[in-house]
PDB file of N, CA and C in Angstrom:
ATOM      1  N   MET A   1     -22.650  12.078  15.981  1.00  0.00           N
ATOM      2  CA  MET A   1     -22.640  13.047  14.906  1.00  0.00           C
ATOM      3  C   MET A   1     -21.829  14.277  15.283  1.00  0.00           C
ATOM      4  N   THR A   2     -21.807  14.627  16.547  1.00  0.00           N
ATOM      5  CA  THR A   2     -21.065  15.830  16.928  1.00  0.00           C
ATOM      6  C   THR A   2     -19.566  15.628  16.767  1.00  0.00           C
ATOM      7  N   LEU A   3     -19.081  14.399  16.902  1.00  0.00           N
ATOM      8  CA  LEU A   3     -17.653  14.157  16.731  1.00  0.00           C
ATOM      9  C   LEU A   3     -17.222  14.404  15.292  1.00  0.00           C
ATOM     10  N   LEU A   4     -18.070  14.060  14.341  1.00  0.00           N
ATOM     11  CA  LEU A   4     -17.717  14.260  12.945  1.00  0.00           C
ATOM     12  C   LEU A   4     -17.652  15.731  12.584  1.00  0.00           C
ATOM     13  N   SER A   5     -18.476  16.533  13.167  1.00  0.00           N
ATOM     14  CA  SER A   5     -18.497  17.947  12.813  1.00  0.00           C
ATOM     15  C   SER A   5     -17.398  18.737  13.511  1.00  0.00           C
ATOM     16  N   THR A   6     -16.790  18.185  14.565  1.00  0.00           N
ATOM     17  CA  THR A   6     -15.766  18.937  15.286  1.00  0.00           C
ATOM     18  C   THR A   6     -14.353  18.616  14.817  1.00  0.00           C
ATOM     19  N   ARG A   7     -14.185  17.615  13.959  1.00  0.00           N
ATOM     20  CA  ARG A   7     -12.846  17.287  13.469  1.00  0.00           C
ATOM     21  C   ARG A   7     -12.359  18.374  12.531  1.00  0.00           C
ATOM     22  N   ASN A   8     -11.069  18.649  12.625  1.00  0.00           N
ATOM     23  CA  ASN A   8     -10.550  19.683  11.736  1.00  0.00           C
ATOM     24  C   ASN A   8      -9.965  19.056  10.478  1.00  0.00           C
ATOM     25  N   LYS A   9      -9.585  19.895   9.542  1.00  0.00           N
ATOM     26  CA  LYS A   9      -9.130  19.417   8.245  1.00  0.00           C
ATOM     27  C   LYS A   9      -7.768  18.737   8.332  1.00  0.00           C
ATOM     28  N   ARG A  10      -6.965  19.127   9.298  1.00  0.00           N
ATOM     29  CA  ARG A  10      -5.647  18.503   9.429  1.00  0.00           C
ATOM     30  C   ARG A  10      -5.778  17.027   9.810  1.00  0.00           C
ATOM     31  N   GLU A  11      -6.691  16.706  10.709  1.00  0.00           N
ATOM     32  CA  GLU A  11      -6.918  15.309  11.084  1.00  0.00           C
ATOM     33  C   GLU A  11      -7.435  14.514   9.894  1.00  0.00           C
ATOM     34  N   ASP A  12      -8.317  15.122   9.111  1.00  0.00           N
ATOM     35  CA  ASP A  12      -8.831  14.443   7.919  1.00  0.00           C
ATOM     36  C   ASP A  12      -7.700  14.163   6.938  1.00  0.00           C
ATOM     37  N   LEU A  13      -6.814  15.130   6.737  1.00  0.00           N
ATOM     38  CA  LEU A  13      -5.692  14.952   5.830  1.00  0.00           C
ATOM     39  C   LEU A  13      -4.756  13.862   6.326  1.00  0.00           C
ATOM     40  N   GLN A  14      -4.506  13.818   7.622  1.00  0.00           N
ATOM     41  CA  GLN A  14      -3.634  12.784   8.180  1.00  0.00           C
ATOM     42  C   GLN A  14      -4.240  11.401   7.978  1.00  0.00           C
ATOM     43  N   GLN A  15      -5.526  11.271   8.167  1.00  0.00           N
ATOM     44  CA  GLN A  15      -6.182   9.978   7.966  1.00  0.00           C
ATOM     45  C   GLN A  15      -6.132   9.559   6.502  1.00  0.00           C
ATOM     46  N   ILE A  16      -6.357  10.494   5.602  1.00  0.00           N
ATOM     47  CA  ILE A  16      -6.313  10.179   4.175  1.00  0.00           C
ATOM     48  C   ILE A  16      -4.907   9.761   3.766  1.00  0.00           C
ATOM     49  N   LEU A  17      -3.890  10.480   4.246  1.00  0.00           N
ATOM     50  CA  LEU A  17      -2.513  10.126   3.917  1.00  0.00           C
ATOM     51  C   LEU A  17      -2.137   8.767   4.489  1.00  0.00           C
ATOM     52  N   PHE A  18      -2.611   8.449   5.676  1.00  0.00           N
ATOM     53  CA  PHE A  18      -2.338   7.145   6.275  1.00  0.00           C
ATOM     54  C   PHE A  18      -2.979   6.030   5.453  1.00  0.00           C
ATOM     55  N   ILE A  19      -4.218   6.246   5.023  1.00  0.00           N
ATOM     56  CA  ILE A  19      -4.906   5.250   4.201  1.00  0.00           C
ATOM     57  C   ILE A  19      -4.174   5.061   2.879  1.00  0.00           C
ATOM     58  N   VAL A  20      -3.725   6.160   2.266  1.00  0.00           N
ATOM     59  CA  VAL A  20      -2.982   6.064   1.011  1.00  0.00           C
ATOM     60  C   VAL A  20      -1.678   5.303   1.223  1.00  0.00           C
ATOM     61  N   LEU A  21      -0.999   5.543   2.338  1.00  0.00           N
ATOM     62  CA  LEU A  21       0.238   4.827   2.646  1.00  0.00           C
ATOM     63  C   LEU A  21      -0.011   3.333   2.783  1.00  0.00           C
ATOM     64  N   ILE A  22      -1.032   2.961   3.531  1.00  0.00           N
ATOM     65  CA  ILE A  22      -1.352   1.546   3.730  1.00  0.00           C
ATOM     66  C   ILE A  22      -1.721   0.886   2.401  1.00  0.00           C
ATOM     67  N   LEU A  23      -2.534   1.561   1.595  1.00  0.00           N
ATOM     68  CA  LEU A  23      -2.913   0.993   0.298  1.00  0.00           C
ATOM     69  C   LEU A  23      -1.707   0.845  -0.622  1.00  0.00           C
ATOM     70  N   THR A  24      -0.787   1.811  -0.587  1.00  0.00           N
ATOM     71  CA  THR A  24       0.424   1.723  -1.400  1.00  0.00           C
ATOM     72  C   THR A  24       1.276   0.537  -0.984  1.00  0.00           C
ATOM     73  N   ILE A  25       1.418   0.330   0.318  1.00  0.00           N
ATOM     74  CA  ILE A  25       2.188  -0.813   0.810  1.00  0.00           C
ATOM     75  C   ILE A  25       1.522  -2.121   0.390  1.00  0.00           C
ATOM     76  N   MET A  26       0.204  -2.189   0.501  1.00  0.00           N
ATOM     77  CA  MET A  26      -0.504  -3.420   0.138  1.00  0.00           C
ATOM     78  C   MET A  26      -0.394  -3.711  -1.360  1.00  0.00           C
ATOM     79  N   VAL A  27      -0.597  -2.708  -2.191  1.00  0.00           N
ATOM     80  CA  VAL A  27      -0.518  -2.910  -3.640  1.00  0.00           C
ATOM     81  C   VAL A  27       0.918  -3.231  -4.047  1.00  0.00           C
ATOM     82  N   GLY A  28       1.878  -2.514  -3.474  1.00  0.00           N
ATOM     83  CA  GLY A  28       3.279  -2.788  -3.785  1.00  0.00           C
ATOM     84  C   GLY A  28       3.686  -4.193  -3.403  1.00  0.00           C
ATOM     85  N   GLY A  29       3.278  -4.649  -2.239  1.00  0.00           N
ATOM     86  CA  GLY A  29       3.590  -6.008  -1.813  1.00  0.00           C
ATOM     87  C   GLY A  29       2.903  -7.046  -2.666  1.00  0.00           C
ATOM     88  N   THR A  30       1.666  -6.756  -3.063  1.00  0.00           N
ATOM     89  CA  THR A  30       0.924  -7.683  -3.904  1.00  0.00           C
ATOM     90  C   THR A  30       1.587  -7.834  -5.270  1.00  0.00           C
ATOM     91  N   LEU A  31       2.114  -6.757  -5.815  1.00  0.00           N
ATOM     92  CA  LEU A  31       2.799  -6.838  -7.101  1.00  0.00           C
ATOM     93  C   LEU A  31       4.211  -7.397  -6.961  1.00  0.00           C
ATOM     94  N   TRP A  32       4.865  -7.113  -5.867  1.00  0.00           N
ATOM     95  CA  TRP A  32       6.246  -7.550  -5.668  1.00  0.00           C
ATOM     96  C   TRP A  32       6.341  -9.069  -5.577  1.00  0.00           C
ATOM     97  N   ILE A  33       5.401  -9.706  -4.904  1.00  0.00           N
ATOM     98  CA  ILE A  33       5.468 -11.158  -4.702  1.00  0.00           C
ATOM     99  C   ILE A  33       5.461 -11.920  -6.033  1.00  0.00           C
ATOM    100  N   PRO A  34       4.511 -11.696  -6.956  1.00  0.00           N
ATOM    101  CA  PRO A  34       4.554 -12.462  -8.207  1.00  0.00           C
ATOM    102  C   PRO A  34       5.778 -12.146  -9.068  1.00  0.00           C
ATOM    103  N   PHE A  35       6.205 -10.884  -9.109  1.00  0.00           N
ATOM    104  CA  PHE A  35       7.383 -10.549  -9.897  1.00  0.00           C
ATOM    105  C   PHE A  35       8.628 -11.204  -9.320  1.00  0.00           C
ATOM    106  N   ASN A  36       8.727 -11.234  -8.004  1.00  0.00           N
ATOM    107  CA  ASN A  36       9.863 -11.876  -7.360  1.00  0.00           C
ATOM    108  C   ASN A  36       9.838 -13.378  -7.620  1.00  0.00           C
ATOM    109  N   LEU A  37       8.674 -14.002  -7.533  1.00  0.00           N
ATOM    110  CA  LEU A  37       8.575 -15.432  -7.811  1.00  0.00           C
ATOM    111  C   LEU A  37       8.908 -15.736  -9.271  1.00  0.00           C
ATOM    112  N   TYR A  38       8.435 -14.898 -10.179  1.00  0.00           N
ATOM    113  CA  TYR A  38       8.739 -15.100 -11.595  1.00  0.00           C
ATOM    114  C   TYR A  38      10.242 -14.996 -11.835  1.00  0.00           C
ATOM    115  N   TYR A  39      10.879 -14.014 -11.229  1.00  0.00           N
ATOM    116  CA  TYR A  39      12.320 -13.840 -11.390  1.00  0.00           C
ATOM    117  C   TYR A  39      13.072 -15.055 -10.866  1.00  0.00           C
ATOM    118  N   ARG A  40      12.633 -15.591  -9.750  1.00  0.00           N
ATOM    119  CA  ARG A  40      13.318 -16.740  -9.156  1.00  0.00           C
ATOM    120  C   ARG A  40      13.064 -18.034  -9.926  1.00  0.00           C
ATOM    121  N   MET A  41      11.961 -18.118 -10.658  1.00  0.00           N
ATOM    122  CA  MET A  41      11.603 -19.357 -11.347  1.00  0.00           C
ATOM    123  C   MET A  41      11.958 -19.350 -12.837  1.00  0.00           C
ATOM    124  N   MET A  42      12.582 -18.293 -13.327  1.00  0.00           N
ATOM    125  CA  MET A  42      12.932 -18.237 -14.748  1.00  0.00           C
ATOM    126  C   MET A  42      13.965 -19.312 -15.072  1.00  0.00           C
ATOM    127  N   PRO A  43      13.686 -20.177 -16.062  1.00  0.00           N
ATOM    128  CA  PRO A  43      14.657 -21.235 -16.394  1.00  0.00           C
ATOM    129  C   PRO A  43      15.955 -20.681 -16.967  1.00  0.00           C
ATOM    130  N   SER A  44      15.905 -19.547 -17.648  1.00  0.00           N
ATOM    131  CA  SER A  44      17.128 -19.004 -18.242  1.00  0.00           C
ATOM    132  C   SER A  44      18.108 -18.513 -17.179  1.00  0.00           C
ATOM    133  N   MET A  45      17.632 -18.272 -15.989  1.00  0.00           N
ATOM    134  CA  MET A  45      18.504 -17.800 -14.920  1.00  0.00           C
ATOM    135  C   MET A  45      19.152 -18.957 -14.161  1.00  0.00           C
ATOM    136  N   MET A  46      18.750 -20.187 -14.476  1.00  0.00           N
ATOM    137  CA  MET A  46      19.324 -21.345 -13.788  1.00  0.00           C
ATOM    138  C   MET A  46      20.758 -21.574 -14.264  1.00  0.00           C
ATOM    139  N   PRO A  47      21.659 -21.989 -13.377  1.00  0.00           N
ATOM    140  CA  PRO A  47      23.052 -22.241 -13.795  1.00  0.00           C
ATOM    141  C   PRO A  47      23.185 -23.525 -14.581  1.00  0.00           C
TER     142      PRO A  47
END
């Protein structure tokens, strides 16, 4: 419990920003894969 009370706000902000970065990468990758597959599988784009 003493470790939680001694952390400063800058460390908390860095952790929150890191979590937001990781979540953004995960969500972006999750959305990118189906859109990329759809683009590659469109019959109208076939030669």
